[in-house]
Amino acid sequence: MKYCSKCGTELHDDAVICPKCGCAVEGQGVLLGKSEKKWIITFLLCFFLGAMGAHRFYVGRTGSGIAMLLTVGGLGIWALVDLIVILCGNFKDSKGNMIKNS
């Protein structure tokens, strides 16, 4: 049996949202909306190896990682934009989950 991490309400095994408080419930080990990938690792990969798309490979966005590798990070512009997006906490992994610093 699962329980809501916010209010402690008992939940069905297939529940995605707590019926009492409306919070997202953990699903298959991943909190919905937040990535398993670490923000600091994503940031450091982008800072040091952004032109090679290492941060995109790390988060599972292989297609755009290859594109960054071939274009040298869009001549650095694409890598810089990604760095800013990561710093703002709006970068997403391949599943669409946010990679946040918390």
PDB file of N, CA and C in Angstrom:
ATOM      1  N   MET A   1       0.849  -1.182   0.000  1.00  0.00           N
ATOM      2  CA  MET A   1       0.000   0.000   0.000  1.00  0.00           C
ATOM      3  C   MET A   1       0.892   1.242   0.000  1.00  0.00           C
ATOM      4  N   LYS A   2       0.479   2.283  -0.749  1.00  0.00           N
ATOM      5  CA  LYS A   2       1.226   3.535  -0.828  1.00  0.00           C
ATOM      6  C   LYS A   2       0.529   4.598   0.010  1.00  0.00           C
ATOM      7  N   TYR A   3       1.344   5.567   0.448  1.00  0.00           N
ATOM      8  CA  TYR A   3       0.823   6.692   1.212  1.00  0.00           C
ATOM      9  C   TYR A   3       1.334   7.987   0.606  1.00  0.00           C
ATOM     10  N   CYS A   4       0.516   9.024   0.671  1.00  0.00           N
ATOM     11  CA  CYS A   4       0.908  10.336   0.169  1.00  0.00           C
ATOM     12  C   CYS A   4       2.027  10.891   1.038  1.00  0.00           C
ATOM     13  N   SER A   5       3.074  11.408   0.408  1.00  0.00           N
ATOM     14  CA  SER A   5       4.211  11.947   1.164  1.00  0.00           C
ATOM     15  C   SER A   5       3.884  13.293   1.814  1.00  0.00           C
ATOM     16  N   LYS A   6       2.838  13.970   1.357  1.00  0.00           N
ATOM     17  CA  LYS A   6       2.467  15.273   1.918  1.00  0.00           C
ATOM     18  C   LYS A   6       1.491  15.145   3.083  1.00  0.00           C
ATOM     19  N   CYS A   7       0.376  14.410   2.848  1.00  0.00           N
ATOM     20  CA  CYS A   7      -0.683  14.374   3.867  1.00  0.00           C
ATOM     21  C   CYS A   7      -0.828  13.019   4.546  1.00  0.00           C
ATOM     22  N   GLY A   8      -0.182  11.967   4.032  1.00  0.00           N
ATOM     23  CA  GLY A   8      -0.215  10.655   4.665  1.00  0.00           C
ATOM     24  C   GLY A   8      -1.435   9.810   4.327  1.00  0.00           C
ATOM     25  N   THR A   9      -2.269  10.275   3.415  1.00  0.00           N
ATOM     26  CA  THR A   9      -3.465   9.525   3.027  1.00  0.00           C
ATOM     27  C   THR A   9      -3.079   8.217   2.345  1.00  0.00           C
ATOM     28  N   GLU A  10      -3.790   7.146   2.693  1.00  0.00           N
ATOM     29  CA  GLU A  10      -3.549   5.853   2.051  1.00  0.00           C
ATOM     30  C   GLU A  10      -4.040   5.916   0.603  1.00  0.00           C
ATOM     31  N   LEU A  11      -3.236   5.405  -0.316  1.00  0.00           N
ATOM     32  CA  LEU A  11      -3.534   5.496  -1.738  1.00  0.00           C
ATOM     33  C   LEU A  11      -3.619   4.112  -2.369  1.00  0.00           C
ATOM     34  N   HIS A  12      -4.338   4.023  -3.460  1.00  0.00           N
ATOM     35  CA  HIS A  12      -4.349   2.797  -4.254  1.00  0.00           C
ATOM     36  C   HIS A  12      -2.991   2.642  -4.924  1.00  0.00           C
ATOM     37  N   ASP A  13      -2.634   1.414  -5.264  1.00  0.00           N
ATOM     38  CA  ASP A  13      -1.329   1.153  -5.874  1.00  0.00           C
ATOM     39  C   ASP A  13      -1.156   1.860  -7.216  1.00  0.00           C
ATOM     40  N   ASP A  14      -2.239   2.090  -7.944  1.00  0.00           N
ATOM     41  CA  ASP A  14      -2.138   2.721  -9.259  1.00  0.00           C
ATOM     42  C   ASP A  14      -2.419   4.228  -9.230  1.00  0.00           C
ATOM     43  N   ALA A  15      -2.517   4.812  -8.035  1.00  0.00           N
ATOM     44  CA  ALA A  15      -2.813   6.241  -7.902  1.00  0.00           C
ATOM     45  C   ALA A  15      -1.662   7.093  -8.425  1.00  0.00           C
ATOM     46  N   VAL A  16      -2.002   8.167  -9.122  1.00  0.00           N
ATOM     47  CA  VAL A  16      -1.019   9.106  -9.651  1.00  0.00           C
ATOM     48  C   VAL A  16      -1.081  10.418  -8.874  1.00  0.00           C
ATOM     49  N   ILE A  17      -2.279  10.774  -8.420  1.00  0.00           N
ATOM     50  CA  ILE A  17      -2.493  12.008  -7.657  1.00  0.00           C
ATOM     51  C   ILE A  17      -3.259  11.670  -6.381  1.00  0.00           C
ATOM     52  N   CYS A  18      -2.864  12.269  -5.282  1.00  0.00           N
ATOM     53  CA  CYS A  18      -3.552  12.055  -4.013  1.00  0.00           C
ATOM     54  C   CYS A  18      -4.949  12.672  -4.092  1.00  0.00           C
ATOM     55  N   PRO A  19      -5.994  11.892  -3.793  1.00  0.00           N
ATOM     56  CA  PRO A  19      -7.356  12.441  -3.876  1.00  0.00           C
ATOM     57  C   PRO A  19      -7.659  13.467  -2.792  1.00  0.00           C
ATOM     58  N   LYS A  20      -6.906  13.452  -1.698  1.00  0.00           N
ATOM     59  CA  LYS A  20      -7.168  14.384  -0.603  1.00  0.00           C
ATOM     60  C   LYS A  20      -6.495  15.738  -0.812  1.00  0.00           C
ATOM     61  N   CYS A  21      -5.187  15.728  -1.118  1.00  0.00           N
ATOM     62  CA  CYS A  21      -4.463  17.003  -1.221  1.00  0.00           C
ATOM     63  C   CYS A  21      -4.086  17.384  -2.658  1.00  0.00           C
ATOM     64  N   GLY A  22      -4.203  16.451  -3.611  1.00  0.00           N
ATOM     65  CA  GLY A  22      -3.934  16.751  -5.009  1.00  0.00           C
ATOM     66  C   GLY A  22      -2.470  16.715  -5.407  1.00  0.00           C
ATOM     67  N   CYS A  23      -1.601  16.288  -4.517  1.00  0.00           N
ATOM     68  CA  CYS A  23      -0.161  16.220  -4.817  1.00  0.00           C
ATOM     69  C   CYS A  23       0.152  15.031  -5.711  1.00  0.00           C
ATOM     70  N   ALA A  24       1.209  15.171  -6.508  1.00  0.00           N
ATOM     71  CA  ALA A  24       1.677  14.069  -7.340  1.00  0.00           C
ATOM     72  C   ALA A  24       2.227  12.978  -6.435  1.00  0.00           C
ATOM     73  N   VAL A  25       1.978  11.741  -6.828  1.00  0.00           N
ATOM     74  CA  VAL A  25       2.401  10.587  -6.050  1.00  0.00           C
ATOM     75  C   VAL A  25       3.564   9.923  -6.761  1.00  0.00           C
ATOM     76  N   GLU A  26       4.482   9.352  -5.994  1.00  0.00           N
ATOM     77  CA  GLU A  26       5.615   8.673  -6.607  1.00  0.00           C
ATOM     78  C   GLU A  26       5.119   7.539  -7.486  1.00  0.00           C
ATOM     79  N   GLY A  27       5.708   7.451  -8.691  1.00  0.00           N
ATOM     80  CA  GLY A  27       5.329   6.409  -9.634  1.00  0.00           C
ATOM     81  C   GLY A  27       6.557   5.713 -10.169  1.00  0.00           C
ATOM     82  N   GLN A  28       6.710   4.464  -9.892  1.00  0.00           N
ATOM     83  CA  GLN A  28       7.838   3.656 -10.334  1.00  0.00           C
ATOM     84  C   GLN A  28       9.164   4.291  -9.934  1.00  0.00           C
ATOM     85  N   GLY A  29       9.242   4.808  -8.727  1.00  0.00           N
ATOM     86  CA  GLY A  29      10.486   5.348  -8.203  1.00  0.00           C
ATOM     87  C   GLY A  29      10.792   6.772  -8.620  1.00  0.00           C
ATOM     88  N   VAL A  30       9.935   7.385  -9.434  1.00  0.00           N
ATOM     89  CA  VAL A  30      10.190   8.748  -9.904  1.00  0.00           C
ATOM     90  C   VAL A  30       9.029   9.634  -9.487  1.00  0.00           C
ATOM     91  N   LEU A  31       9.327  10.739  -8.844  1.00  0.00           N
ATOM     92  CA  LEU A  31       8.296  11.708  -8.518  1.00  0.00           C
ATOM     93  C   LEU A  31       7.888  12.390  -9.810  1.00  0.00           C
ATOM     94  N   LEU A  32       6.611  12.314 -10.120  1.00  0.00           N
ATOM     95  CA  LEU A  32       6.130  12.867 -11.381  1.00  0.00           C
ATOM     96  C   LEU A  32       6.456  14.345 -11.472  1.00  0.00           C
ATOM     97  N   GLY A  33       7.004  14.737 -12.599  1.00  0.00           N
ATOM     98  CA  GLY A  33       7.338  16.132 -12.815  1.00  0.00           C
ATOM     99  C   GLY A  33       8.769  16.491 -12.456  1.00  0.00           C
ATOM    100  N   LYS A  34       9.454  15.635 -11.699  1.00  0.00           N
ATOM    101  CA  LYS A  34      10.852  15.897 -11.327  1.00  0.00           C
ATOM    102  C   LYS A  34      11.705  14.731 -11.784  1.00  0.00           C
ATOM    103  N   SER A  35      12.790  15.043 -12.437  1.00  0.00           N
ATOM    104  CA  SER A  35      13.667  14.033 -13.012  1.00  0.00           C
ATOM    105  C   SER A  35      14.518  13.344 -11.952  1.00  0.00           C
ATOM    106  N   GLU A  36      14.929  12.116 -12.262  1.00  0.00           N
ATOM    107  CA  GLU A  36      15.885  11.394 -11.417  1.00  0.00           C
ATOM    108  C   GLU A  36      17.295  11.935 -11.610  1.00  0.00           C
ATOM    109  N   LYS A  37      17.535  12.594 -12.715  1.00  0.00           N
ATOM    110  CA  LYS A  37      18.865  13.107 -13.038  1.00  0.00           C
ATOM    111  C   LYS A  37      19.219  14.256 -12.105  1.00  0.00           C
ATOM    112  N   LYS A  38      20.480  14.324 -11.732  1.00  0.00           N
ATOM    113  CA  LYS A  38      20.960  15.341 -10.798  1.00  0.00           C
ATOM    114  C   LYS A  38      21.229  16.662 -11.515  1.00  0.00           C
ATOM    115  N   TRP A  39      20.761  17.744 -10.897  1.00  0.00           N
ATOM    116  CA  TRP A  39      20.931  19.074 -11.473  1.00  0.00           C
ATOM    117  C   TRP A  39      22.405  19.452 -11.564  1.00  0.00           C
ATOM    118  N   ILE A  40      23.151  19.189 -10.504  1.00  0.00           N
ATOM    119  CA  ILE A  40      24.557  19.616 -10.468  1.00  0.00           C
ATOM    120  C   ILE A  40      25.367  18.896 -11.542  1.00  0.00           C
ATOM    121  N   ILE A  41      25.090  17.627 -11.778  1.00  0.00           N
ATOM    122  CA  ILE A  41      25.803  16.889 -12.814  1.00  0.00           C
ATOM    123  C   ILE A  41      25.446  17.446 -14.188  1.00  0.00           C
ATOM    124  N   THR A  42      24.169  17.722 -14.402  1.00  0.00           N
ATOM    125  CA  THR A  42      23.726  18.304 -15.668  1.00  0.00           C
ATOM    126  C   THR A  42      24.403  19.653 -15.895  1.00  0.00           C
ATOM    127  N   PHE A  43      24.437  20.476 -14.859  1.00  0.00           N
ATOM    128  CA  PHE A  43      25.065  21.799 -14.956  1.00  0.00           C
ATOM    129  C   PHE A  43      26.555  21.688 -15.272  1.00  0.00           C
ATOM    130  N   LEU A  44      27.269  20.845 -14.537  1.00  0.00           N
ATOM    131  CA  LEU A  44      28.713  20.707 -14.749  1.00  0.00           C
ATOM    132  C   LEU A  44      29.041  20.153 -16.132  1.00  0.00           C
ATOM    133  N   LEU A  45      28.250  19.177 -16.588  1.00  0.00           N
ATOM    134  CA  LEU A  45      28.469  18.641 -17.934  1.00  0.00           C
ATOM    135  C   LEU A  45      28.264  19.720 -18.987  1.00  0.00           C
ATOM    136  N   CYS A  46      27.236  20.534 -18.798  1.00  0.00           N
ATOM    137  CA  CYS A  46      26.971  21.611 -19.758  1.00  0.00           C
ATOM    138  C   CYS A  46      28.068  22.666 -19.689  1.00  0.00           C
ATOM    139  N   PHE A  47      28.516  23.006 -18.491  1.00  0.00           N
ATOM    140  CA  PHE A  47      29.536  24.041 -18.331  1.00  0.00           C
ATOM    141  C   PHE A  47      30.865  23.630 -18.971  1.00  0.00           C
ATOM    142  N   PHE A  48      31.299  22.393 -18.714  1.00  0.00           N
ATOM    143  CA  PHE A  48      32.605  21.959 -19.200  1.00  0.00           C
ATOM    144  C   PHE A  48      32.566  21.285 -20.575  1.00  0.00           C
ATOM    145  N   LEU A  49      31.477  20.571 -20.883  1.00  0.00           N
ATOM    146  CA  LEU A  49      31.400  19.816 -22.135  1.00  0.00           C
ATOM    147  C   LEU A  49      30.143  20.141 -22.938  1.00  0.00           C
ATOM    148  N   GLY A  50      29.612  21.338 -22.744  1.00  0.00           N
ATOM    149  CA  GLY A  50      28.371  21.732 -23.402  1.00  0.00           C
ATOM    150  C   GLY A  50      28.445  21.736 -24.914  1.00  0.00           C
ATOM    151  N   ALA A  51      29.565  22.126 -25.460  1.00  0.00           N
ATOM    152  CA  ALA A  51      29.717  22.170 -26.916  1.00  0.00           C
ATOM    153  C   ALA A  51      29.656  20.782 -27.535  1.00  0.00           C
ATOM    154  N   MET A  52      29.927  19.753 -26.726  1.00  0.00           N
ATOM    155  CA  MET A  52      29.839  18.373 -27.214  1.00  0.00           C
ATOM    156  C   MET A  52      28.495  17.733 -26.874  1.00  0.00           C
ATOM    157  N   GLY A  53      27.614  18.454 -26.197  1.00  0.00           N
ATOM    158  CA  GLY A  53      26.282  17.949 -25.887  1.00  0.00           C
ATOM    159  C   GLY A  53      26.255  16.896 -24.801  1.00  0.00           C
ATOM    160  N   ALA A  54      27.283  16.843 -23.964  1.00  0.00           N
ATOM    161  CA  ALA A  54      27.372  15.810 -22.930  1.00  0.00           C
ATOM    162  C   ALA A  54      26.179  15.840 -21.979  1.00  0.00           C
ATOM    163  N   HIS A  55      25.698  17.022 -21.640  1.00  0.00           N
ATOM    164  CA  HIS A  55      24.557  17.139 -20.731  1.00  0.00           C
ATOM    165  C   HIS A  55      23.287  16.557 -21.350  1.00  0.00           C
ATOM    166  N   ARG A  56      23.144  16.688 -22.646  1.00  0.00           N
ATOM    167  CA  ARG A  56      21.968  16.131 -23.320  1.00  0.00           C
ATOM    168  C   ARG A  56      22.037  14.611 -23.393  1.00  0.00           C
ATOM    169  N   PHE A  57      23.225  14.058 -23.592  1.00  0.00           N
ATOM    170  CA  PHE A  57      23.373  12.608 -23.541  1.00  0.00           C
ATOM    171  C   PHE A  57      23.052  12.104 -22.140  1.00  0.00           C
ATOM    172  N   TYR A  58      23.499  12.825 -21.110  1.00  0.00           N
ATOM    173  CA  TYR A  58      23.270  12.439 -19.716  1.00  0.00           C
ATOM    174  C   TYR A  58      21.783  12.355 -19.378  1.00  0.00           C
ATOM    175  N   VAL A  59      20.985  13.305 -19.865  1.00  0.00           N
ATOM    176  CA  VAL A  59      19.563  13.317 -19.530  1.00  0.00           C
ATOM    177  C   VAL A  59      18.722  12.476 -20.485  1.00  0.00           C
ATOM    178  N   GLY A  60      19.361  11.824 -21.450  1.00  0.00           N
ATOM    179  CA  GLY A  60      18.652  10.913 -22.344  1.00  0.00           C
ATOM    180  C   GLY A  60      18.160  11.537 -23.629  1.00  0.00           C
ATOM    181  N   ARG A  61      18.540  12.750 -23.919  1.00  0.00           N
ATOM    182  CA  ARG A  61      18.128  13.430 -25.147  1.00  0.00           C
ATOM    183  C   ARG A  61      19.211  13.230 -26.206  1.00  0.00           C
ATOM    184  N   THR A  62      19.333  11.986 -26.642  1.00  0.00           N
ATOM    185  CA  THR A  62      20.423  11.567 -27.512  1.00  0.00           C
ATOM    186  C   THR A  62      20.410  12.250 -28.873  1.00  0.00           C
ATOM    187  N   GLY A  63      19.245  12.398 -29.464  1.00  0.00           N
ATOM    188  CA  GLY A  63      19.145  13.016 -30.793  1.00  0.00           C
ATOM    189  C   GLY A  63      19.696  14.428 -30.816  1.00  0.00           C
ATOM    190  N   SER A  64      19.270  15.242 -29.861  1.00  0.00           N
ATOM    191  CA  SER A  64      19.774  16.613 -29.814  1.00  0.00           C
ATOM    192  C   SER A  64      21.229  16.639 -29.335  1.00  0.00           C
ATOM    193  N   GLY A  65      21.640  15.633 -28.568  1.00  0.00           N
ATOM    194  CA  GLY A  65      23.044  15.527 -28.168  1.00  0.00           C
ATOM    195  C   GLY A  65      23.943  15.308 -29.368  1.00  0.00           C
ATOM    196  N   ILE A  66      23.495  14.453 -30.283  1.00  0.00           N
ATOM    197  CA  ILE A  66      24.257  14.209 -31.513  1.00  0.00           C
ATOM    198  C   ILE A  66      24.314  15.478 -32.358  1.00  0.00           C
ATOM    199  N   ALA A  67      23.170  16.191 -32.442  1.00  0.00           N
ATOM    200  CA  ALA A  67      23.136  17.441 -33.207  1.00  0.00           C
ATOM    201  C   ALA A  67      24.105  18.465 -32.614  1.00  0.00           C
ATOM    202  N   MET A  68      24.166  18.535 -31.285  1.00  0.00           N
ATOM    203  CA  MET A  68      25.106  19.468 -30.642  1.00  0.00           C
ATOM    204  C   MET A  68      26.544  19.051 -30.905  1.00  0.00           C
ATOM    205  N   LEU A  69      26.786  17.761 -30.881  1.00  0.00           N
ATOM    206  CA  LEU A  69      28.132  17.256 -31.135  1.00  0.00           C
ATOM    207  C   LEU A  69      28.589  17.615 -32.541  1.00  0.00           C
ATOM    208  N   LEU A  70      27.702  17.477 -33.512  1.00  0.00           N
ATOM    209  CA  LEU A  70      28.046  17.754 -34.906  1.00  0.00           C
ATOM    210  C   LEU A  70      28.191  19.244 -35.203  1.00  0.00           C
ATOM    211  N   THR A  71      27.485  20.087 -34.446  1.00  0.00           N
ATOM    212  CA  THR A  71      27.533  21.537 -34.697  1.00  0.00           C
ATOM    213  C   THR A  71      28.378  22.287 -33.671  1.00  0.00           C
ATOM    214  N   VAL A  72      29.095  21.536 -32.833  1.00  0.00           N
ATOM    215  CA  VAL A  72      29.897  22.102 -31.748  1.00  0.00           C
ATOM    216  C   VAL A  72      29.021  23.020 -30.886  1.00  0.00           C
ATOM    217  N   GLY A  73      27.908  22.464 -30.472  1.00  0.00           N
ATOM    218  CA  GLY A  73      27.006  23.210 -29.595  1.00  0.00           C
ATOM    219  C   GLY A  73      26.391  24.415 -30.265  1.00  0.00           C
ATOM    220  N   GLY A  74      26.113  24.298 -31.566  1.00  0.00           N
ATOM    221  CA  GLY A  74      25.581  25.447 -32.304  1.00  0.00           C
ATOM    222  C   GLY A  74      26.557  26.606 -32.252  1.00  0.00           C
ATOM    223  N   LEU A  75      27.844  26.259 -32.443  1.00  0.00           N
ATOM    224  CA  LEU A  75      28.952  27.229 -32.353  1.00  0.00           C
ATOM    225  C   LEU A  75      28.983  27.904 -30.981  1.00  0.00           C
ATOM    226  N   GLY A  76      28.561  27.167 -29.968  1.00  0.00           N
ATOM    227  CA  GLY A  76      28.598  27.655 -28.595  1.00  0.00           C
ATOM    228  C   GLY A  76      27.332  28.344 -28.142  1.00  0.00           C
ATOM    229  N   ILE A  77      26.533  28.805 -29.078  1.00  0.00           N
ATOM    230  CA  ILE A  77      25.311  29.541 -28.713  1.00  0.00           C
ATOM    231  C   ILE A  77      24.291  28.608 -28.074  1.00  0.00           C
ATOM    232  N   TRP A  78      24.084  27.445 -28.676  1.00  0.00           N
ATOM    233  CA  TRP A  78      23.130  26.465 -28.169  1.00  0.00           C
ATOM    234  C   TRP A  78      23.552  26.013 -26.769  1.00  0.00           C
ATOM    235  N   ALA A  79      24.836  25.778 -26.574  1.00  0.00           N
ATOM    236  CA  ALA A  79      25.346  25.357 -25.269  1.00  0.00           C
ATOM    237  C   ALA A  79      25.134  26.441 -24.221  1.00  0.00           C
ATOM    238  N   LEU A  80      25.347  27.701 -24.599  1.00  0.00           N
ATOM    239  CA  LEU A  80      25.134  28.817 -23.677  1.00  0.00           C
ATOM    240  C   LEU A  80      23.657  28.939 -23.288  1.00  0.00           C
ATOM    241  N   VAL A  81      22.777  28.793 -24.258  1.00  0.00           N
ATOM    242  CA  VAL A  81      21.337  28.844 -23.979  1.00  0.00           C
ATOM    243  C   VAL A  81      20.955  27.707 -23.037  1.00  0.00           C
ATOM    244  N   ASP A  82      21.465  26.500 -23.292  1.00  0.00           N
ATOM    245  CA  ASP A  82      21.183  25.366 -22.405  1.00  0.00           C
ATOM    246  C   ASP A  82      21.679  25.640 -20.990  1.00  0.00           C
ATOM    247  N   LEU A  83      22.846  26.231 -20.864  1.00  0.00           N
ATOM    248  CA  LEU A  83      23.398  26.543 -19.550  1.00  0.00           C
ATOM    249  C   LEU A  83      22.468  27.485 -18.784  1.00  0.00           C
ATOM    250  N   ILE A  84      21.954  28.484 -19.459  1.00  0.00           N
ATOM    251  CA  ILE A  84      21.023  29.433 -18.831  1.00  0.00           C
ATOM    252  C   ILE A  84      19.731  28.731 -18.438  1.00  0.00           C
ATOM    253  N   VAL A  85      19.230  27.864 -19.317  1.00  0.00           N
ATOM    254  CA  VAL A  85      17.987  27.132 -19.024  1.00  0.00           C
ATOM    255  C   VAL A  85      18.186  26.204 -17.826  1.00  0.00           C
ATOM    256  N   ILE A  86      19.337  25.559 -17.749  1.00  0.00           N
ATOM    257  CA  ILE A  86      19.633  24.686 -16.609  1.00  0.00           C
ATOM    258  C   ILE A  86      19.709  25.504 -15.321  1.00  0.00           C
ATOM    259  N   LEU A  87      20.383  26.646 -15.362  1.00  0.00           N
ATOM    260  CA  LEU A  87      20.480  27.515 -14.189  1.00  0.00           C
ATOM    261  C   LEU A  87      19.118  27.998 -13.713  1.00  0.00           C
ATOM    262  N   CYS A  88      18.213  28.233 -14.638  1.00  0.00           N
ATOM    263  CA  CYS A  88      16.862  28.689 -14.293  1.00  0.00           C
ATOM    264  C   CYS A  88      15.963  27.554 -13.805  1.00  0.00           C
ATOM    265  N   GLY A  89      16.415  26.319 -13.973  1.00  0.00           N
ATOM    266  CA  GLY A  89      15.627  25.169 -13.515  1.00  0.00           C
ATOM    267  C   GLY A  89      14.537  24.750 -14.475  1.00  0.00           C
ATOM    268  N   ASN A  90      14.683  25.070 -15.763  1.00  0.00           N
ATOM    269  CA  ASN A  90      13.661  24.735 -16.753  1.00  0.00           C
ATOM    270  C   ASN A  90      14.099  23.670 -17.745  1.00  0.00           C
ATOM    271  N   PHE A  91      15.229  23.005 -17.500  1.00  0.00           N
ATOM    272  CA  PHE A  91      15.735  21.986 -18.414  1.00  0.00           C
ATOM    273  C   PHE A  91      15.009  20.674 -18.142  1.00  0.00           C
ATOM    274  N   LYS A  92      14.651  19.955 -19.201  1.00  0.00           N
ATOM    275  CA  LYS A  92      13.884  18.713 -19.060  1.00  0.00           C
ATOM    276  C   LYS A  92      14.680  17.520 -19.554  1.00  0.00           C
ATOM    277  N   ASP A  93      14.397  16.363 -18.957  1.00  0.00           N
ATOM    278  CA  ASP A  93      15.029  15.127 -19.420  1.00  0.00           C
ATOM    279  C   ASP A  93      14.220  14.538 -20.573  1.00  0.00           C
ATOM    280  N   SER A  94      14.584  13.339 -21.013  1.00  0.00           N
ATOM    281  CA  SER A  94      13.935  12.730 -22.175  1.00  0.00           C
ATOM    282  C   SER A  94      12.481  12.367 -21.916  1.00  0.00           C
ATOM    283  N   LYS A  95      12.080  12.262 -20.663  1.00  0.00           N
ATOM    284  CA  LYS A  95      10.693  11.933 -20.316  1.00  0.00           C
ATOM    285  C   LYS A  95       9.844  13.174 -20.089  1.00  0.00           C
ATOM    286  N   GLY A  96      10.453  14.342 -20.219  1.00  0.00           N
ATOM    287  CA  GLY A  96       9.726  15.584 -20.019  1.00  0.00           C
ATOM    288  C   GLY A  96       9.701  16.051 -18.573  1.00  0.00           C
ATOM    289  N   ASN A  97      10.448  15.363 -17.692  1.00  0.00           N
ATOM    290  CA  ASN A  97      10.504  15.761 -16.276  1.00  0.00           C
ATOM    291  C   ASN A  97      11.545  16.847 -16.079  1.00  0.00           C
ATOM    292  N   MET A  98      11.253  17.773 -15.197  1.00  0.00           N
ATOM    293  CA  MET A  98      12.137  18.903 -14.920  1.00  0.00           C
ATOM    294  C   MET A  98      13.352  18.460 -14.105  1.00  0.00           C
ATOM    295  N   ILE A  99      14.508  19.015 -14.441  1.00  0.00           N
ATOM    296  CA  ILE A  99      15.722  18.782 -13.679  1.00  0.00           C
ATOM    297  C   ILE A  99      15.931  20.021 -12.836  1.00  0.00           C
ATOM    298  N   LYS A 100      15.657  19.888 -11.535  1.00  0.00           N
ATOM    299  CA  LYS A 100      15.681  21.043 -10.640  1.00  0.00           C
ATOM    300  C   LYS A 100      16.754  20.886  -9.581  1.00  0.00           C
ATOM    301  N   ASN A 101      17.218  22.022  -9.087  1.00  0.00           N
ATOM    302  CA  ASN A 101      18.226  22.054  -8.022  1.00  0.00           C
ATOM    303  C   ASN A 101      17.523  22.059  -6.682  1.00  0.00           C
ATOM    304  N   SER A 102      17.213  20.886  -6.169  1.00  0.00           N
ATOM    305  CA  SER A 102      16.593  20.793  -4.827  1.00  0.00           C
ATOM    306  C   SER A 102      16.727  19.419  -4.270  1.00  0.00           C
TER     307      SER A 102
END
